[in-house]
Amino acid sequence: MLLIGGAGLIGATAARTLRRTYPELPITLGVRDPVGAAALVADLGRAEAAAVDLSRRDLGLDPAARFSAVVVFFKDATLNSLRFAQDRGLGYVDISSAAFELGPQVALAIQRPDASAVVMASNWLAGTSTAVAAHYGAEFDRIDAIKVSALLDDQDIGGGAAAEDYERQTGAGPSALQLRGGRWTWASGDEAKEVFSSVDGRPFEAAPFGNLDVLSLATAFDVPSARFEFAVGETASRLRGEAFSTEIVIEIAGRRRDGREGVFRFRVVHPEGQAPLTAQGVALVVERLAGLGGLPRLEPGLYLPHTVVDPGRAVAAFRAMGAVIEEA
């Protein structure tokens, strides 16, 4: 397993998550400085660090090296990591591309459709929000709208790569893709902002964000309206004097299978912030890419995470590692 950026905050957490579940899985951390990753390598066991050069199609790696899949934890503007995976027939997952910048990645996948399984998992926290929404969405026989609102604590922006992703996606793509009334539109400016209630009822002004939740939720449930938005601020746990957490509020409007109609709220909270849930989201996708744990290995193709990860399995995994997931 090649984890490019595997020594960063999210990458290291994902590596440890994989190691707990799969003690014998060989892991290679693709990094700039292998020496700097030595402590993590020793901690993981059955691991090594290798210098990765994204300017090269072969990434500067030993041609004899063998991997089960390639995971990238930051934006690879060269897409040489994808070419590397395609050249070797390896599964590939990216968690850092917004909807407005998918074109080059999709084009490479279309050009070589039989080369690799490519999972575009740039949903919030590597598919966490989509998986939970899909889990509860199965309780409805009609869904009119889905809205996902995330609160990112201002002390939990993440490491350098995460900060770069945040700045690029909010700066280079000021308009966010959304589905409203059956029409795909690009929301921008103050008129696109809305107010949502966080898990403790406080109002936050949120802006629409162009990650891939909208694509997943709109297609999974064939809904006329789907929106993802987020705000940066103080989470409820930090307001209480505790450490920052991460919070997600999911609103589903429609009719449940028991006959109730209305707008129903569900919430996800993890007391350790965004990293654990993101890591677990990656691990769930990697299981399918590499065919781990008895799961079928993905065939070559282009995928969104909701098409490869079972929502019930995902929710159970998130809860097992400390997330509170419940109807609000």
C-alpha atoms as a PDB file:
ATOM      1  CA  MET A   1       0.000   0.000   0.000  1.00  0.00           C
ATOM      2  CA  LEU A   2       1.526   3.323  -1.096  1.00  0.00           C
ATOM      3  CA  LEU A   3       0.319   6.273   0.951  1.00  0.00           C
ATOM      4  CA  ILE A   4       1.560   9.484  -0.686  1.00  0.00           C
ATOM      5  CA  GLY A   5       1.625  12.135   2.021  1.00  0.00           C
ATOM      6  CA  GLY A   6       1.381   9.307   4.542  1.00  0.00           C
ATOM      7  CA  ALA A   7       3.494  11.092   7.140  1.00  0.00           C
ATOM      8  CA  GLY A   8       1.178  14.110   7.381  1.00  0.00           C
ATOM      9  CA  LEU A   9      -1.571  14.501   9.957  1.00  0.00           C
ATOM     10  CA  ILE A  10      -4.321  12.740   7.985  1.00  0.00           C
ATOM     11  CA  GLY A  11      -1.989  10.312   6.237  1.00  0.00           C
ATOM     12  CA  ALA A  12      -0.372   9.145   9.467  1.00  0.00           C
ATOM     13  CA  THR A  13      -3.757   8.708  11.114  1.00  0.00           C
ATOM     14  CA  ALA A  14      -4.937   6.680   8.121  1.00  0.00           C
ATOM     15  CA  ALA A  15      -1.799   4.535   8.242  1.00  0.00           C
ATOM     16  CA  ARG A  16      -2.388   3.778  11.917  1.00  0.00           C
ATOM     17  CA  THR A  17      -6.062   3.017  11.237  1.00  0.00           C
ATOM     18  CA  LEU A  18      -5.104   0.535   8.525  1.00  0.00           C
ATOM     19  CA  ARG A  19      -2.466  -1.025  10.741  1.00  0.00           C
ATOM     20  CA  ARG A  20      -4.922  -1.649  13.580  1.00  0.00           C
ATOM     21  CA  THR A  21      -7.269  -3.468  11.234  1.00  0.00           C
ATOM     22  CA  TYR A  22      -4.677  -5.182   9.066  1.00  0.00           C
ATOM     23  CA  PRO A  23      -1.523  -5.942  11.119  1.00  0.00           C
ATOM     24  CA  GLU A  24       0.205  -7.730   8.221  1.00  0.00           C
ATOM     25  CA  LEU A  25      -0.478  -5.150   5.503  1.00  0.00           C
ATOM     26  CA  PRO A  26       2.782  -3.793   4.024  1.00  0.00           C
ATOM     27  CA  ILE A  27       2.691   0.011   4.026  1.00  0.00           C
ATOM     28  CA  THR A  28       4.983   2.401   2.177  1.00  0.00           C
ATOM     29  CA  LEU A  29       4.845   6.067   3.141  1.00  0.00           C
ATOM     30  CA  GLY A  30       5.522   8.200   0.090  1.00  0.00           C
ATOM     31  CA  VAL A  31       7.160  11.331   1.516  1.00  0.00           C
ATOM     32  CA  ARG A  32       9.569  14.131   0.744  1.00  0.00           C
ATOM     33  CA  ASP A  33      11.942  13.188   3.562  1.00  0.00           C
ATOM     34  CA  PRO A  34      12.128   9.480   4.481  1.00  0.00           C
ATOM     35  CA  VAL A  35      14.386  10.230   7.444  1.00  0.00           C
ATOM     36  CA  GLY A  36      11.750  12.479   8.950  1.00  0.00           C
ATOM     37  CA  ALA A  37       9.220   9.645   8.761  1.00  0.00           C
ATOM     38  CA  ALA A  38      11.446   7.139  10.566  1.00  0.00           C
ATOM     39  CA  ALA A  39       9.589   7.325  13.880  1.00  0.00           C
ATOM     40  CA  LEU A  40       6.228   6.684  12.221  1.00  0.00           C
ATOM     41  CA  VAL A  41       7.681   3.783  10.231  1.00  0.00           C
ATOM     42  CA  ALA A  42       8.985   2.194  13.426  1.00  0.00           C
ATOM     43  CA  ASP A  43       5.667   2.729  15.163  1.00  0.00           C
ATOM     44  CA  LEU A  44       3.677   1.141  12.346  1.00  0.00           C
ATOM     45  CA  GLY A  45       5.789  -1.934  11.777  1.00  0.00           C
ATOM     46  CA  ARG A  46       5.863  -3.739   8.391  1.00  0.00           C
ATOM     47  CA  ALA A  47       6.333  -0.266   6.907  1.00  0.00           C
ATOM     48  CA  GLU A  48       8.916   1.786   5.107  1.00  0.00           C
ATOM     49  CA  ALA A  49       9.307   5.339   3.857  1.00  0.00           C
ATOM     50  CA  ALA A  50      10.283   6.201   0.296  1.00  0.00           C
ATOM     51  CA  ALA A  51      11.034   9.538  -1.317  1.00  0.00           C
ATOM     52  CA  VAL A  52       8.381  10.446  -3.896  1.00  0.00           C
ATOM     53  CA  ASP A  53       9.038  12.852  -6.758  1.00  0.00           C
ATOM     54  CA  LEU A  54       5.711  13.915  -8.256  1.00  0.00           C
ATOM     55  CA  SER A  55       7.445  15.539 -11.218  1.00  0.00           C
ATOM     56  CA  ARG A  56       8.235  12.038 -12.515  1.00  0.00           C
ATOM     57  CA  ARG A  57       5.767   9.568 -13.969  1.00  0.00           C
ATOM     58  CA  ASP A  58       7.485   6.747 -12.072  1.00  0.00           C
ATOM     59  CA  LEU A  59       7.501   8.920  -8.911  1.00  0.00           C
ATOM     60  CA  GLY A  60      11.208   8.189  -8.571  1.00  0.00           C
ATOM     61  CA  LEU A  61      10.418   4.877  -6.879  1.00  0.00           C
ATOM     62  CA  ASP A  62      12.243   1.585  -7.217  1.00  0.00           C
ATOM     63  CA  PRO A  63      10.853  -0.180 -10.325  1.00  0.00           C
ATOM     64  CA  ALA A  64      10.849  -3.438  -8.364  1.00  0.00           C
ATOM     65  CA  ALA A  65       8.603  -2.050  -5.608  1.00  0.00           C
ATOM     66  CA  ARG A  66       5.158  -3.630  -5.416  1.00  0.00           C
ATOM     67  CA  PHE A  67       2.009  -2.037  -3.988  1.00  0.00           C
ATOM     68  CA  SER A  68      -1.630  -3.051  -3.565  1.00  0.00           C
ATOM     69  CA  ALA A  69      -3.078   0.453  -4.111  1.00  0.00           C
ATOM     70  CA  VAL A  70      -2.131   4.146  -4.201  1.00  0.00           C
ATOM     71  CA  VAL A  71      -3.673   6.738  -1.864  1.00  0.00           C
ATOM     72  CA  VAL A  72      -2.948  10.467  -2.189  1.00  0.00           C
ATOM     73  CA  PHE A  73      -3.616  12.748   0.790  1.00  0.00           C
ATOM     74  CA  PHE A  74      -3.063  16.100  -0.907  1.00  0.00           C
ATOM     75  CA  LYS A  75      -3.655  17.639  -4.320  1.00  0.00           C
ATOM     76  CA  ASP A  76      -1.303  16.184  -6.902  1.00  0.00           C
ATOM     77  CA  ALA A  77      -1.408  18.848  -9.601  1.00  0.00           C
ATOM     78  CA  THR A  78       0.719  16.693 -11.923  1.00  0.00           C
ATOM     79  CA  LEU A  79      -1.547  13.630 -11.649  1.00  0.00           C
ATOM     80  CA  ASN A  80       1.605  11.531 -12.020  1.00  0.00           C
ATOM     81  CA  SER A  81       0.411   9.556  -9.020  1.00  0.00           C
ATOM     82  CA  LEU A  82      -2.637   8.499 -11.054  1.00  0.00           C
ATOM     83  CA  ARG A  83      -0.508   7.681 -14.090  1.00  0.00           C
ATOM     84  CA  PHE A  84       1.750   5.603 -11.815  1.00  0.00           C
ATOM     85  CA  ALA A  85      -1.277   3.638 -10.579  1.00  0.00           C
ATOM     86  CA  GLN A  86      -2.630   3.152 -14.114  1.00  0.00           C
ATOM     87  CA  ASP A  87       0.740   1.998 -15.443  1.00  0.00           C
ATOM     88  CA  ARG A  88       0.797  -0.714 -12.770  1.00  0.00           C
ATOM     89  CA  GLY A  89      -2.875  -1.618 -12.692  1.00  0.00           C
ATOM     90  CA  LEU A  90      -3.285  -0.391  -9.117  1.00  0.00           C
ATOM     91  CA  GLY A  91      -6.371   1.023  -7.439  1.00  0.00           C
ATOM     92  CA  TYR A  92      -6.186   4.765  -6.793  1.00  0.00           C
ATOM     93  CA  VAL A  93      -7.974   7.125  -4.411  1.00  0.00           C
ATOM     94  CA  ASP A  94      -7.828  10.917  -4.206  1.00  0.00           C
ATOM     95  CA  ILE A  95      -9.396  12.884  -1.333  1.00  0.00           C
ATOM     96  CA  SER A  96      -8.399  16.433  -2.274  1.00  0.00           C
ATOM     97  CA  SER A  97     -10.137  17.441  -5.512  1.00  0.00           C
ATOM     98  CA  ALA A  98     -13.139  19.757  -5.605  1.00  0.00           C
ATOM     99  CA  ALA A  99     -15.935  19.350  -8.137  1.00  0.00           C
ATOM    100  CA  PHE A 100     -14.617  22.190 -10.304  1.00  0.00           C
ATOM    101  CA  GLU A 101     -11.203  20.528 -10.801  1.00  0.00           C
ATOM    102  CA  LEU A 102     -12.157  16.932 -11.630  1.00  0.00           C
ATOM    103  CA  GLY A 103     -11.746  17.307 -15.392  1.00  0.00           C
ATOM    104  CA  PRO A 104      -8.097  16.188 -15.796  1.00  0.00           C
ATOM    105  CA  GLN A 105      -8.523  13.225 -13.446  1.00  0.00           C
ATOM    106  CA  VAL A 106     -11.714  12.078 -15.151  1.00  0.00           C
ATOM    107  CA  ALA A 107     -10.080  12.449 -18.574  1.00  0.00           C
ATOM    108  CA  LEU A 108      -7.195  10.174 -17.563  1.00  0.00           C
ATOM    109  CA  ALA A 109      -9.614   7.585 -16.220  1.00  0.00           C
ATOM    110  CA  ILE A 110     -11.693   7.692 -19.405  1.00  0.00           C
ATOM    111  CA  GLN A 111      -8.586   7.445 -21.588  1.00  0.00           C
ATOM    112  CA  ARG A 112      -7.517   4.213 -19.874  1.00  0.00           C
ATOM    113  CA  PRO A 113     -10.752   2.704 -18.537  1.00  0.00           C
ATOM    114  CA  ASP A 114      -9.283  -0.776 -18.044  1.00  0.00           C
ATOM    115  CA  ALA A 115      -6.129   0.317 -16.220  1.00  0.00           C
ATOM    116  CA  SER A 116      -7.202   1.087 -12.647  1.00  0.00           C
ATOM    117  CA  ALA A 117     -10.049   1.437 -10.221  1.00  0.00           C
ATOM    118  CA  VAL A 118     -10.105   5.197  -9.552  1.00  0.00           C
ATOM    119  CA  VAL A 119     -12.114   6.371  -6.547  1.00  0.00           C
ATOM    120  CA  MET A 120     -12.790  10.093  -6.354  1.00  0.00           C
ATOM    121  CA  ALA A 121     -13.291  10.351  -2.597  1.00  0.00           C
ATOM    122  CA  SER A 122     -13.073  14.110  -2.107  1.00  0.00           C
ATOM    123  CA  ASN A 123     -16.306  14.107  -0.154  1.00  0.00           C
ATOM    124  CA  TRP A 124     -16.256  15.689   3.306  1.00  0.00           C
ATOM    125  CA  LEU A 125     -13.844  13.736   5.524  1.00  0.00           C
ATOM    126  CA  ALA A 126     -13.206  11.202   2.752  1.00  0.00           C
ATOM    127  CA  GLY A 127     -16.847  10.216   2.429  1.00  0.00           C
ATOM    128  CA  THR A 128     -17.952  10.295   6.070  1.00  0.00           C
ATOM    129  CA  SER A 129     -20.828  12.710   5.493  1.00  0.00           C
ATOM    130  CA  THR A 130     -22.009  10.885   2.376  1.00  0.00           C
ATOM    131  CA  ALA A 131     -21.940   7.483   4.091  1.00  0.00           C
ATOM    132  CA  VAL A 132     -23.969   8.686   7.070  1.00  0.00           C
ATOM    133  CA  ALA A 133     -26.473  10.486   4.823  1.00  0.00           C
ATOM    134  CA  ALA A 134     -26.828   7.342   2.707  1.00  0.00           C
ATOM    135  CA  HIS A 135     -27.315   5.231   5.847  1.00  0.00           C
ATOM    136  CA  TYR A 136     -30.225   7.338   7.058  1.00  0.00           C
ATOM    137  CA  GLY A 137     -31.487   8.008   3.559  1.00  0.00           C
ATOM    138  CA  ALA A 138     -32.306   4.318   3.242  1.00  0.00           C
ATOM    139  CA  GLU A 139     -35.102   4.937   5.792  1.00  0.00           C
ATOM    140  CA  PHE A 140     -36.984   7.145   3.302  1.00  0.00           C
ATOM    141  CA  ASP A 141     -39.227   6.165   0.434  1.00  0.00           C
ATOM    142  CA  ARG A 142     -39.180   9.730  -0.942  1.00  0.00           C
ATOM    143  CA  ILE A 143     -36.464  12.332  -0.564  1.00  0.00           C
ATOM    144  CA  ASP A 144     -37.097  15.882  -1.733  1.00  0.00           C
ATOM    145  CA  ALA A 145     -33.840  17.468  -0.586  1.00  0.00           C
ATOM    146  CA  ILE A 146     -30.618  16.662   1.253  1.00  0.00           C
ATOM    147  CA  LYS A 147     -28.407  19.263   2.864  1.00  0.00           C
ATOM    148  CA  VAL A 148     -25.137  18.549   4.635  1.00  0.00           C
ATOM    149  CA  SER A 149     -23.734  21.277   6.901  1.00  0.00           C
ATOM    150  CA  ALA A 150     -20.290  20.854   8.444  1.00  0.00           C
ATOM    151  CA  LEU A 151     -18.648  22.888  11.180  1.00  0.00           C
ATOM    152  CA  LEU A 152     -14.860  22.818  11.082  1.00  0.00           C
ATOM    153  CA  ASP A 153     -13.229  24.104  14.229  1.00  0.00           C
ATOM    154  CA  ASP A 154     -10.841  26.941  13.509  1.00  0.00           C
ATOM    155  CA  GLN A 155      -8.169  25.045  15.460  1.00  0.00           C
ATOM    156  CA  ASP A 156      -8.673  21.963  13.276  1.00  0.00           C
ATOM    157  CA  ILE A 157      -7.788  23.174   9.787  1.00  0.00           C
ATOM    158  CA  GLY A 158      -5.133  20.437   9.646  1.00  0.00           C
ATOM    159  CA  GLY A 159      -1.548  20.315   8.435  1.00  0.00           C
ATOM    160  CA  GLY A 160       0.117  22.211   5.625  1.00  0.00           C
ATOM    161  CA  ALA A 161      -1.385  20.129   2.816  1.00  0.00           C
ATOM    162  CA  ALA A 162      -4.877  20.446   4.264  1.00  0.00           C
ATOM    163  CA  ALA A 163      -4.476  24.205   4.605  1.00  0.00           C
ATOM    164  CA  GLU A 164      -3.345  24.421   0.973  1.00  0.00           C
ATOM    165  CA  ASP A 165      -6.401  22.407  -0.129  1.00  0.00           C
ATOM    166  CA  TYR A 166      -8.660  24.713   1.853  1.00  0.00           C
ATOM    167  CA  GLU A 167      -7.152  27.862   0.359  1.00  0.00           C
ATOM    168  CA  ARG A 168      -7.185  26.499  -3.191  1.00  0.00           C
ATOM    169  CA  GLN A 169     -10.724  25.178  -3.110  1.00  0.00           C
ATOM    170  CA  THR A 170     -12.215  28.276  -1.512  1.00  0.00           C
ATOM    171  CA  GLY A 171     -10.093  30.714  -3.516  1.00  0.00           C
ATOM    172  CA  ALA A 172      -9.760  29.191  -6.981  1.00  0.00           C
ATOM    173  CA  GLY A 173     -13.323  27.942  -7.005  1.00  0.00           C
ATOM    174  CA  PRO A 174     -15.482  30.645  -5.396  1.00  0.00           C
ATOM    175  CA  SER A 175     -18.676  29.194  -6.915  1.00  0.00           C
ATOM    176  CA  ALA A 176     -19.895  25.886  -5.526  1.00  0.00           C
ATOM    177  CA  LEU A 177     -21.860  23.261  -7.406  1.00  0.00           C
ATOM    178  CA  GLN A 178     -25.328  22.576  -6.052  1.00  0.00           C
ATOM    179  CA  LEU A 179     -28.578  20.996  -7.208  1.00  0.00           C
ATOM    180  CA  ARG A 180     -31.746  23.017  -6.621  1.00  0.00           C
ATOM    181  CA  GLY A 181     -35.168  22.337  -8.005  1.00  0.00           C
ATOM    182  CA  GLY A 182     -33.757  19.765 -10.381  1.00  0.00           C
ATOM    183  CA  ARG A 183     -31.227  22.202 -11.880  1.00  0.00           C
ATOM    184  CA  TRP A 184     -27.457  22.107 -11.452  1.00  0.00           C
ATOM    185  CA  THR A 185     -26.203  25.605 -10.641  1.00  0.00           C
ATOM    186  CA  TRP A 186     -23.083  27.312  -9.354  1.00  0.00           C
ATOM    187  CA  ALA A 187     -23.763  29.172  -6.122  1.00  0.00           C
ATOM    188  CA  SER A 188     -21.591  32.160  -5.316  1.00  0.00           C
ATOM    189  CA  GLY A 189     -21.415  35.341  -3.318  1.00  0.00           C
ATOM    190  CA  ASP A 190     -23.435  36.429  -0.329  1.00  0.00           C
ATOM    191  CA  GLU A 191     -26.705  35.297  -1.907  1.00  0.00           C
ATOM    192  CA  ALA A 192     -25.483  31.691  -1.746  1.00  0.00           C
ATOM    193  CA  LYS A 193     -24.852  31.808   2.001  1.00  0.00           C
ATOM    194  CA  GLU A 194     -27.279  30.247   4.440  1.00  0.00           C
ATOM    195  CA  VAL A 195     -27.543  29.890   8.204  1.00  0.00           C
ATOM    196  CA  PHE A 196     -27.614  26.481   9.811  1.00  0.00           C
ATOM    197  CA  SER A 197     -27.951  25.355  13.420  1.00  0.00           C
ATOM    198  CA  SER A 198     -24.974  23.452  14.783  1.00  0.00           C
ATOM    199  CA  VAL A 199     -25.316  20.405  17.027  1.00  0.00           C
ATOM    200  CA  ASP A 200     -25.859  22.620  20.085  1.00  0.00           C
ATOM    201  CA  GLY A 201     -28.308  24.932  18.331  1.00  0.00           C
ATOM    202  CA  ARG A 202     -26.000  27.882  17.669  1.00  0.00           C
ATOM    203  CA  PRO A 203     -26.488  29.590  14.284  1.00  0.00           C
ATOM    204  CA  PHE A 204     -23.599  29.671  11.829  1.00  0.00           C
ATOM    205  CA  GLU A 205     -23.441  31.418   8.489  1.00  0.00           C
ATOM    206  CA  ALA A 206     -22.308  28.789   6.004  1.00  0.00           C
ATOM    207  CA  ALA A 207     -21.108  28.987   2.434  1.00  0.00           C
ATOM    208  CA  PRO A 208     -21.724  26.286  -0.165  1.00  0.00           C
ATOM    209  CA  PHE A 209     -18.634  24.205  -0.835  1.00  0.00           C
ATOM    210  CA  GLY A 210     -17.809  22.368  -4.034  1.00  0.00           C
ATOM    211  CA  ASN A 211     -16.721  18.987  -2.740  1.00  0.00           C
ATOM    212  CA  LEU A 212     -18.197  15.730  -4.048  1.00  0.00           C
ATOM    213  CA  ASP A 213     -20.972  15.128  -1.514  1.00  0.00           C
ATOM    214  CA  VAL A 214     -23.423  16.868  -3.816  1.00  0.00           C
ATOM    215  CA  LEU A 215     -22.525  14.536  -6.700  1.00  0.00           C
ATOM    216  CA  SER A 216     -22.793  11.436  -4.519  1.00  0.00           C
ATOM    217  CA  LEU A 217     -26.040  12.346  -2.782  1.00  0.00           C
ATOM    218  CA  ALA A 218     -27.796  13.658  -5.870  1.00  0.00           C
ATOM    219  CA  THR A 219     -27.069  10.514  -7.843  1.00  0.00           C
ATOM    220  CA  ALA A 220     -27.488   8.001  -5.011  1.00  0.00           C
ATOM    221  CA  PHE A 221     -31.021   9.169  -4.215  1.00  0.00           C
ATOM    222  CA  ASP A 222     -32.007  10.899  -7.473  1.00  0.00           C
ATOM    223  CA  VAL A 223     -33.116  13.956  -5.501  1.00  0.00           C
ATOM    224  CA  PRO A 224     -34.120  17.320  -6.998  1.00  0.00           C
ATOM    225  CA  SER A 225     -32.088  19.308  -4.449  1.00  0.00           C
ATOM    226  CA  ALA A 226     -28.722  18.584  -2.828  1.00  0.00           C
ATOM    227  CA  ARG A 227     -26.333  21.007  -1.145  1.00  0.00           C
ATOM    228  CA  PHE A 228     -23.149  20.858   0.905  1.00  0.00           C
ATOM    229  CA  GLU A 229     -22.041  23.805   3.011  1.00  0.00           C
ATOM    230  CA  PHE A 230     -19.595  24.444   5.778  1.00  0.00           C
ATOM    231  CA  ALA A 231     -18.507  27.022   8.301  1.00  0.00           C
ATOM    232  CA  VAL A 232     -15.341  27.527  10.316  1.00  0.00           C
ATOM    233  CA  GLY A 233     -15.824  28.349  13.977  1.00  0.00           C
ATOM    234  CA  GLU A 234     -15.751  27.135  17.543  1.00  0.00           C
ATOM    235  CA  THR A 235     -17.261  23.682  17.949  1.00  0.00           C
ATOM    236  CA  ALA A 236     -19.574  22.876  20.849  1.00  0.00           C
ATOM    237  CA  SER A 237     -16.954  20.843  22.703  1.00  0.00           C
ATOM    238  CA  ARG A 238     -14.406  23.684  22.676  1.00  0.00           C
ATOM    239  CA  LEU A 239     -17.087  26.103  23.813  1.00  0.00           C
ATOM    240  CA  ARG A 240     -17.520  23.841  26.860  1.00  0.00           C
ATOM    241  CA  GLY A 241     -13.803  24.081  27.574  1.00  0.00           C
ATOM    242  CA  GLU A 242     -12.884  20.743  26.021  1.00  0.00           C
ATOM    243  CA  ALA A 243     -10.769  19.925  22.974  1.00  0.00           C
ATOM    244  CA  PHE A 244     -12.097  20.769  19.511  1.00  0.00           C
ATOM    245  CA  SER A 245     -14.343  18.250  17.792  1.00  0.00           C
ATOM    246  CA  THR A 246     -15.754  17.970  14.295  1.00  0.00           C
ATOM    247  CA  GLU A 247     -19.474  18.351  13.624  1.00  0.00           C
ATOM    248  CA  ILE A 248     -21.722  17.419  10.716  1.00  0.00           C
ATOM    249  CA  VAL A 249     -25.462  18.085  10.490  1.00  0.00           C
ATOM    250  CA  ILE A 250     -27.473  16.248   7.824  1.00  0.00           C
ATOM    251  CA  GLU A 251     -30.993  17.380   6.941  1.00  0.00           C
ATOM    252  CA  ILE A 252     -33.201  15.135   4.836  1.00  0.00           C
ATOM    253  CA  ALA A 253     -36.587  16.388   3.666  1.00  0.00           C
ATOM    254  CA  GLY A 254     -39.125  13.830   2.523  1.00  0.00           C
ATOM    255  CA  ARG A 255     -41.256  10.906   3.649  1.00  0.00           C
ATOM    256  CA  ARG A 256     -39.894   8.112   5.806  1.00  0.00           C
ATOM    257  CA  ARG A 257     -40.919   4.513   5.312  1.00  0.00           C
ATOM    258  CA  ASP A 258     -43.010   4.679   8.501  1.00  0.00           C
ATOM    259  CA  GLY A 259     -45.146   7.418   6.915  1.00  0.00           C
ATOM    260  CA  ARG A 260     -43.731  10.459   8.709  1.00  0.00           C
ATOM    261  CA  GLU A 261     -43.071  13.483   6.525  1.00  0.00           C
ATOM    262  CA  GLY A 262     -40.968  16.571   7.154  1.00  0.00           C
ATOM    263  CA  VAL A 263     -37.359  17.644   7.544  1.00  0.00           C
ATOM    264  CA  PHE A 264     -35.307  15.285   9.688  1.00  0.00           C
ATOM    265  CA  ARG A 265     -31.924  16.126  11.215  1.00  0.00           C
ATOM    266  CA  PHE A 266     -29.056  13.763  11.919  1.00  0.00           C
ATOM    267  CA  ARG A 267     -25.694  14.604  13.409  1.00  0.00           C
ATOM    268  CA  VAL A 268     -22.159  13.300  13.470  1.00  0.00           C
ATOM    269  CA  VAL A 269     -19.641  14.377  16.110  1.00  0.00           C
ATOM    270  CA  HIS A 270     -16.154  13.113  16.763  1.00  0.00           C
ATOM    271  CA  PRO A 271     -14.365  14.419  19.872  1.00  0.00           C
ATOM    272  CA  GLU A 272     -10.926  14.352  18.217  1.00  0.00           C
ATOM    273  CA  GLY A 273     -11.672  16.499  15.184  1.00  0.00           C
ATOM    274  CA  GLN A 274     -11.564  15.712  11.491  1.00  0.00           C
ATOM    275  CA  ALA A 275      -8.525  13.423  11.314  1.00  0.00           C
ATOM    276  CA  PRO A 276      -9.966  10.143  12.719  1.00  0.00           C
ATOM    277  CA  LEU A 277     -13.076  10.196  10.544  1.00  0.00           C
ATOM    278  CA  THR A 278     -11.097  11.126   7.436  1.00  0.00           C
ATOM    279  CA  ALA A 279      -8.652   8.305   8.147  1.00  0.00           C
ATOM    280  CA  GLN A 280     -11.449   5.803   8.610  1.00  0.00           C
ATOM    281  CA  GLY A 281     -13.127   6.999   5.412  1.00  0.00           C
ATOM    282  CA  VAL A 282      -9.888   6.366   3.527  1.00  0.00           C
ATOM    283  CA  ALA A 283      -9.490   2.937   5.139  1.00  0.00           C
ATOM    284  CA  LEU A 284     -12.985   1.898   4.040  1.00  0.00           C
ATOM    285  CA  VAL A 285     -12.211   2.792   0.423  1.00  0.00           C
ATOM    286  CA  VAL A 286      -8.782   1.124   0.560  1.00  0.00           C
ATOM    287  CA  GLU A 287     -10.383  -2.114   1.725  1.00  0.00           C
ATOM    288  CA  ARG A 288     -12.263  -2.275  -1.573  1.00  0.00           C
ATOM    289  CA  LEU A 289      -9.359  -1.089  -3.711  1.00  0.00           C
ATOM    290  CA  ALA A 290      -7.052  -3.790  -2.365  1.00  0.00           C
ATOM    291  CA  GLY A 291      -9.679  -6.450  -1.626  1.00  0.00           C
ATOM    292  CA  LEU A 292      -8.861  -6.561   2.078  1.00  0.00           C
ATOM    293  CA  GLY A 293     -10.843  -8.296   4.801  1.00  0.00           C
ATOM    294  CA  GLY A 294     -12.532 -10.666   2.391  1.00  0.00           C
ATOM    295  CA  LEU A 295     -14.193  -7.841   0.453  1.00  0.00           C
ATOM    296  CA  PRO A 296     -14.246  -8.056  -3.348  1.00  0.00           C
ATOM    297  CA  ARG A 297     -11.538  -6.052  -5.051  1.00  0.00           C
ATOM    298  CA  LEU A 298     -12.795  -3.247  -7.260  1.00  0.00           C
ATOM    299  CA  GLU A 299     -12.658  -3.787 -10.985  1.00  0.00           C
ATOM    300  CA  PRO A 300     -11.116  -1.006 -13.124  1.00  0.00           C
ATOM    301  CA  GLY A 301     -13.441   1.935 -13.496  1.00  0.00           C
ATOM    302  CA  LEU A 302     -14.327   5.371 -12.151  1.00  0.00           C
ATOM    303  CA  TYR A 303     -16.103   5.487  -8.792  1.00  0.00           C
ATOM    304  CA  LEU A 304     -17.516   7.782  -6.141  1.00  0.00           C
ATOM    305  CA  PRO A 305     -17.214   6.501  -2.554  1.00  0.00           C
ATOM    306  CA  HIS A 306     -20.922   5.823  -2.072  1.00  0.00           C
ATOM    307  CA  THR A 307     -20.746   3.244  -4.861  1.00  0.00           C
ATOM    308  CA  VAL A 308     -17.992   1.206  -3.187  1.00  0.00           C
ATOM    309  CA  VAL A 309     -18.501   1.573   0.590  1.00  0.00           C
ATOM    310  CA  ASP A 310     -21.499   0.032   2.338  1.00  0.00           C
ATOM    311  CA  PRO A 311     -23.157   2.779   4.451  1.00  0.00           C
ATOM    312  CA  GLY A 312     -24.022   0.439   7.320  1.00  0.00           C
ATOM    313  CA  ARG A 313     -20.467  -0.865   7.476  1.00  0.00           C
ATOM    314  CA  ALA A 314     -19.165   2.692   7.408  1.00  0.00           C
ATOM    315  CA  VAL A 315     -21.432   3.933  10.214  1.00  0.00           C
ATOM    316  CA  ALA A 316     -20.468   0.945  12.375  1.00  0.00           C
ATOM    317  CA  ALA A 317     -16.779   1.677  11.770  1.00  0.00           C
ATOM    318  CA  PHE A 318     -17.173   5.385  12.594  1.00  0.00           C
ATOM    319  CA  ARG A 319     -19.002   4.584  15.825  1.00  0.00           C
ATOM    320  CA  ALA A 320     -16.412   1.981  16.793  1.00  0.00           C
ATOM    321  CA  MET A 321     -13.691   4.622  16.650  1.00  0.00           C
ATOM    322  CA  GLY A 322     -15.530   7.123  18.809  1.00  0.00           C
ATOM    323  CA  ALA A 323     -18.029   9.010  16.626  1.00  0.00           C
ATOM    324  CA  VAL A 324     -21.474   9.881  17.896  1.00  0.00           C
ATOM    325  CA  ILE A 325     -23.972   9.367  15.061  1.00  0.00           C
ATOM    326  CA  GLU A 326     -27.635   9.902  15.872  1.00  0.00           C
ATOM    327  CA  GLU A 327     -30.891  11.534  14.916  1.00  0.00           C
ATOM    328  CA  ALA A 328     -31.028  15.040  16.326  1.00  0.00           C
END
